[in-house]
Amino acid sequence: MKEAIVKASGRREIIFPDMYLKKEPGRSTGKPIFIVERTAKKILEEELGVKEFHVSISHEKEFSVAFVLLGL
């Protein structure tokens, strides 16, 4: 998922530790909440004007895929 964010933004200087997902509070399933902090926040939100992150993650055994849309 983090690599998908970097590729969607076109900014390779975004570092992975500044981004993470957390579950929606009080629910075991549902839409993941995407969190950006520090350098990633500055680049994505302030420099590129990203207002929304839409993330979809799927996995099957040893394979996984992430799809990301950045909303301006």
N, C-alpha and C. Protein backbone atom coordinates (compact mmCIF):
# COMPACT_ATOMS: atom_id res chain seq x y z
N MET A 1 0.82 -1.17 0.00
CA MET A 1 0.00 0.00 0.00
C MET A 1 0.88 1.25 0.00
N LYS A 2 1.91 1.28 0.80
CA LYS A 2 2.77 2.46 0.86
C LYS A 2 3.46 2.72 -0.47
N GLU A 3 3.88 1.65 -1.14
CA GLU A 3 4.52 1.80 -2.44
C GLU A 3 3.51 2.36 -3.46
N ALA A 4 2.27 1.94 -3.36
CA ALA A 4 1.22 2.44 -4.26
C ALA A 4 1.02 3.95 -4.06
N ILE A 5 1.09 4.42 -2.83
CA ILE A 5 0.96 5.85 -2.53
C ILE A 5 2.12 6.62 -3.17
N VAL A 6 3.33 6.11 -3.01
CA VAL A 6 4.51 6.78 -3.57
C VAL A 6 4.39 6.84 -5.09
N LYS A 7 4.00 5.75 -5.71
CA LYS A 7 3.87 5.72 -7.17
C LYS A 7 2.75 6.63 -7.65
N ALA A 8 1.63 6.65 -6.95
CA ALA A 8 0.51 7.51 -7.35
C ALA A 8 0.88 8.98 -7.24
N SER A 9 1.71 9.33 -6.27
CA SER A 9 2.09 10.73 -6.06
C SER A 9 3.22 11.18 -6.99
N GLY A 10 4.03 10.22 -7.44
CA GLY A 10 5.18 10.56 -8.26
C GLY A 10 6.33 11.16 -7.47
N ARG A 11 6.27 11.07 -6.15
CA ARG A 11 7.30 11.68 -5.28
C ARG A 11 8.04 10.59 -4.51
N ARG A 12 9.22 10.26 -4.95
CA ARG A 12 10.00 9.16 -4.36
C ARG A 12 10.56 9.49 -2.98
N GLU A 13 10.58 10.77 -2.60
CA GLU A 13 11.16 11.13 -1.30
C GLU A 13 10.20 10.90 -0.13
N ILE A 14 8.97 10.47 -0.42
CA ILE A 14 8.03 10.11 0.65
C ILE A 14 8.55 8.84 1.31
N ILE A 15 8.67 8.87 2.63
CA ILE A 15 9.23 7.69 3.32
C ILE A 15 8.11 6.87 3.97
N PHE A 16 8.28 5.57 3.93
CA PHE A 16 7.26 4.63 4.38
C PHE A 16 6.87 4.76 5.86
N PRO A 17 7.81 5.00 6.79
CA PRO A 17 7.39 5.08 8.20
C PRO A 17 6.40 6.21 8.51
N ASP A 18 6.28 7.18 7.61
CA ASP A 18 5.37 8.30 7.83
C ASP A 18 3.93 7.99 7.43
N MET A 19 3.67 6.76 6.95
CA MET A 19 2.33 6.39 6.49
C MET A 19 1.93 5.05 7.10
N TYR A 20 0.66 4.93 7.49
CA TYR A 20 0.18 3.65 8.00
C TYR A 20 -1.34 3.59 7.95
N LEU A 21 -1.85 2.39 8.07
CA LEU A 21 -3.30 2.16 8.11
C LEU A 21 -3.71 1.79 9.51
N LYS A 22 -4.94 2.15 9.86
CA LYS A 22 -5.50 1.63 11.10
C LYS A 22 -6.96 1.28 10.84
N LYS A 23 -7.48 0.40 11.65
CA LYS A 23 -8.86 -0.03 11.49
C LYS A 23 -9.81 1.05 11.98
N GLU A 24 -10.99 1.04 11.40
CA GLU A 24 -12.04 1.94 11.86
C GLU A 24 -12.36 1.59 13.32
N PRO A 25 -12.40 2.56 14.22
CA PRO A 25 -12.63 2.26 15.64
C PRO A 25 -13.94 1.50 15.87
N GLY A 26 -13.87 0.47 16.70
CA GLY A 26 -15.06 -0.27 17.09
C GLY A 26 -15.55 -1.30 16.08
N ARG A 27 -14.80 -1.51 14.99
CA ARG A 27 -15.23 -2.47 13.97
C ARG A 27 -14.07 -3.38 13.62
N SER A 28 -14.36 -4.66 13.45
CA SER A 28 -13.31 -5.60 13.07
C SER A 28 -13.10 -5.62 11.56
N THR A 29 -14.09 -5.16 10.80
CA THR A 29 -13.96 -5.07 9.34
C THR A 29 -14.38 -3.67 8.91
N GLY A 30 -14.16 -3.37 7.69
CA GLY A 30 -14.58 -2.07 7.19
C GLY A 30 -13.47 -1.33 6.51
N LYS A 31 -13.75 -0.09 6.18
CA LYS A 31 -12.81 0.74 5.45
C LYS A 31 -11.58 1.07 6.30
N PRO A 32 -10.38 0.82 5.76
CA PRO A 32 -9.18 1.20 6.50
C PRO A 32 -9.02 2.72 6.52
N ILE A 33 -8.46 3.23 7.59
CA ILE A 33 -8.19 4.67 7.71
C ILE A 33 -6.70 4.87 7.44
N PHE A 34 -6.41 5.71 6.46
CA PHE A 34 -5.04 5.96 6.06
C PHE A 34 -4.51 7.18 6.79
N ILE A 35 -3.38 7.04 7.46
CA ILE A 35 -2.77 8.11 8.25
C ILE A 35 -1.44 8.51 7.61
N VAL A 36 -1.23 9.81 7.45
CA VAL A 36 0.06 10.33 6.99
C VAL A 36 0.58 11.31 8.03
N GLU A 37 1.88 11.28 8.24
CA GLU A 37 2.51 12.15 9.23
C GLU A 37 3.80 12.72 8.67
N ARG A 38 4.32 13.69 9.34
CA ARG A 38 5.63 14.29 9.10
C ARG A 38 5.89 14.62 7.62
N THR A 39 6.96 14.10 7.05
CA THR A 39 7.37 14.42 5.69
C THR A 39 6.31 14.03 4.67
N ALA A 40 5.71 12.86 4.82
CA ALA A 40 4.68 12.41 3.88
C ALA A 40 3.50 13.38 3.88
N LYS A 41 3.10 13.84 5.04
CA LYS A 41 1.98 14.79 5.16
C LYS A 41 2.31 16.09 4.46
N LYS A 42 3.52 16.59 4.68
CA LYS A 42 3.94 17.84 4.05
C LYS A 42 3.89 17.72 2.52
N ILE A 43 4.43 16.64 2.00
CA ILE A 43 4.48 16.47 0.54
C ILE A 43 3.09 16.23 -0.03
N LEU A 44 2.36 15.25 0.52
CA LEU A 44 1.07 14.87 -0.05
C LEU A 44 0.01 15.95 0.12
N GLU A 45 -0.16 16.44 1.33
CA GLU A 45 -1.25 17.37 1.59
C GLU A 45 -0.89 18.81 1.27
N GLU A 46 0.27 19.28 1.70
CA GLU A 46 0.62 20.68 1.52
C GLU A 46 1.17 21.00 0.13
N GLU A 47 2.10 20.18 -0.37
CA GLU A 47 2.72 20.47 -1.66
C GLU A 47 1.87 20.01 -2.85
N LEU A 48 1.28 18.81 -2.75
CA LEU A 48 0.51 18.26 -3.87
C LEU A 48 -0.99 18.54 -3.77
N GLY A 49 -1.46 18.98 -2.61
CA GLY A 49 -2.87 19.32 -2.45
C GLY A 49 -3.81 18.14 -2.32
N VAL A 50 -3.30 17.00 -1.88
CA VAL A 50 -4.14 15.81 -1.72
C VAL A 50 -5.08 16.03 -0.53
N LYS A 51 -6.38 15.86 -0.77
CA LYS A 51 -7.38 16.06 0.28
C LYS A 51 -7.97 14.74 0.78
N GLU A 52 -7.96 13.71 -0.08
CA GLU A 52 -8.55 12.42 0.27
C GLU A 52 -7.65 11.29 -0.19
N PHE A 53 -7.69 10.20 0.56
CA PHE A 53 -6.98 8.97 0.20
C PHE A 53 -8.01 7.84 0.17
N HIS A 54 -8.08 7.16 -0.94
CA HIS A 54 -8.95 5.99 -1.05
C HIS A 54 -8.06 4.78 -1.26
N VAL A 55 -8.12 3.84 -0.33
CA VAL A 55 -7.21 2.70 -0.32
C VAL A 55 -8.02 1.41 -0.34
N SER A 56 -7.62 0.49 -1.20
CA SER A 56 -8.21 -0.84 -1.22
C SER A 56 -7.07 -1.85 -1.18
N ILE A 57 -7.18 -2.82 -0.28
CA ILE A 57 -6.15 -3.84 -0.11
C ILE A 57 -6.81 -5.20 -0.19
N SER A 58 -6.16 -6.11 -0.89
CA SER A 58 -6.68 -7.47 -0.99
C SER A 58 -5.50 -8.44 -0.91
N HIS A 59 -5.77 -9.63 -0.41
CA HIS A 59 -4.70 -10.63 -0.35
C HIS A 59 -5.29 -12.03 -0.50
N GLU A 60 -4.46 -12.92 -0.99
CA GLU A 60 -4.81 -14.33 -1.15
C GLU A 60 -3.54 -15.13 -0.95
N LYS A 61 -3.48 -15.87 0.13
CA LYS A 61 -2.29 -16.66 0.48
C LYS A 61 -1.06 -15.76 0.51
N GLU A 62 -0.08 -15.99 -0.37
CA GLU A 62 1.16 -15.21 -0.31
C GLU A 62 1.17 -13.97 -1.20
N PHE A 63 0.05 -13.67 -1.86
CA PHE A 63 -0.01 -12.52 -2.75
C PHE A 63 -0.90 -11.43 -2.18
N SER A 64 -0.51 -10.18 -2.45
CA SER A 64 -1.36 -9.06 -2.02
C SER A 64 -1.31 -7.97 -3.08
N VAL A 65 -2.33 -7.13 -3.07
CA VAL A 65 -2.41 -6.03 -4.01
C VAL A 65 -3.02 -4.83 -3.29
N ALA A 66 -2.54 -3.64 -3.63
CA ALA A 66 -3.10 -2.41 -3.07
C ALA A 66 -3.41 -1.47 -4.22
N PHE A 67 -4.55 -0.82 -4.11
CA PHE A 67 -4.98 0.16 -5.11
C PHE A 67 -5.24 1.46 -4.37
N VAL A 68 -4.71 2.55 -4.90
CA VAL A 68 -4.80 3.84 -4.21
C VAL A 68 -5.28 4.92 -5.18
N LEU A 69 -6.21 5.75 -4.72
CA LEU A 69 -6.62 6.94 -5.45
C LEU A 69 -6.34 8.14 -4.57
N LEU A 70 -5.69 9.14 -5.12
CA LEU A 70 -5.42 10.38 -4.39
C LEU A 70 -6.41 11.42 -4.87
N GLY A 71 -7.24 11.94 -3.96
CA GLY A 71 -8.24 12.94 -4.32
C GLY A 71 -7.73 14.34 -4.07
N LEU A 72 -7.80 15.17 -5.10
CA LEU A 72 -7.32 16.56 -4.99
C LEU A 72 -8.46 17.50 -4.66
